[in-house]
Amino acid sequence: MSNLYGDFNQKIDYVFKVVLIGDSAVGKSQLLARFARNEFSVDSKATIGVEFQTKTLAIDHKTVKAQIWDTAGQERYRAVTSAYYRGAVGAMLVYDMTKRQSFDHMARWLEELRGHADKNIVIMLIGNKCDLGSLRAVPTEDAQEFAQRENLFFMETSALESTNVETAFFTVLTEIYRIISKKTLTANDELDPNGSSGLLKGTRIIVPNQEQRTERKGGCCGSS
C-alpha cells in the first residue's frame, strides 16, 4: 500500500524530478508550498527564475524523494527551459480555472514540454483555484476533453483549501514509480557510479494507454 509517510532515516530508493509549468499567477508556487510544506501564503509573489523543493515519501515500502521544480511563467524566463526540463520524469501543467487564457495556453506549454523533455514523461493537467467556483471560466468538460485528447491525467485543485493537492502530486509520483519499478532490470543495468538509475534522469519510460488514465469529474474534481 502506498502512503506519504515512511522511515526517513532509510536510504533514498528513487529521486523523481517533477516540473510545474504554466502561465504566471496560476498558483504553481502555491501548489508546491502546499504539497511540500503544507503552507499557503496570501501574499505570495511571482517566482523569479527557478526554484525547487523536495519531499520524501513512501510508495510501496520504497523511499522516494520528490524533487519538484517551479519556474515563473513569464516569457522573459524562457531561457531556463532546457535545464528546467532536463531529467524530468513527471510534469504538471497548471492553469487557473478562473482565467480562460491560462487554459488556452496549455497547448503551447505542452508543446514546449514535449519539445524539451522525454516524450513519454508522465503528465497531469491541473485546473487550480477550484475554490472559486462562481468565477469559473473553464468548464471541467473542456479540460477533460483536452486531457483525453493529449493522453494526460487531469484533476482540479485548490491550493488555498488544500483540495486534491496531495492527491494530484501523489498520483503522478505513484505512476512514475509504477512504470519505473517494472523496469527494475533495465534500471540496474544503467546504474551510474553513484548508484542512480538512468531511468531517473529522463530515459524513455512507457506511458499507460488511454483507458488507464485517471479523469476526475465534478466541480472541484476529487479522487474516485
Foldseek 3Di string as FASTA:
>chain_A
DFDFDDDPVDDAPEEAEEEEAFAWPLCPVLLQCCQAPVDGDPPDDTDAAKDWDWGWGGGPNHIYIYIYMYGHHDPVNCVCLQVRQWLHQEYEYTGAQLDVVRVVCSVVVVVSNCVRAQVARAYEYEHEPLVPVVSGPHDLVNVVVVCLVVVHAYFYYYSVVGACSNVVVVVNVNQSCVFVVVVVVQQVVQQDPVRHGPVSRRDDTHDDDSVVGHYFDDRRGHDD
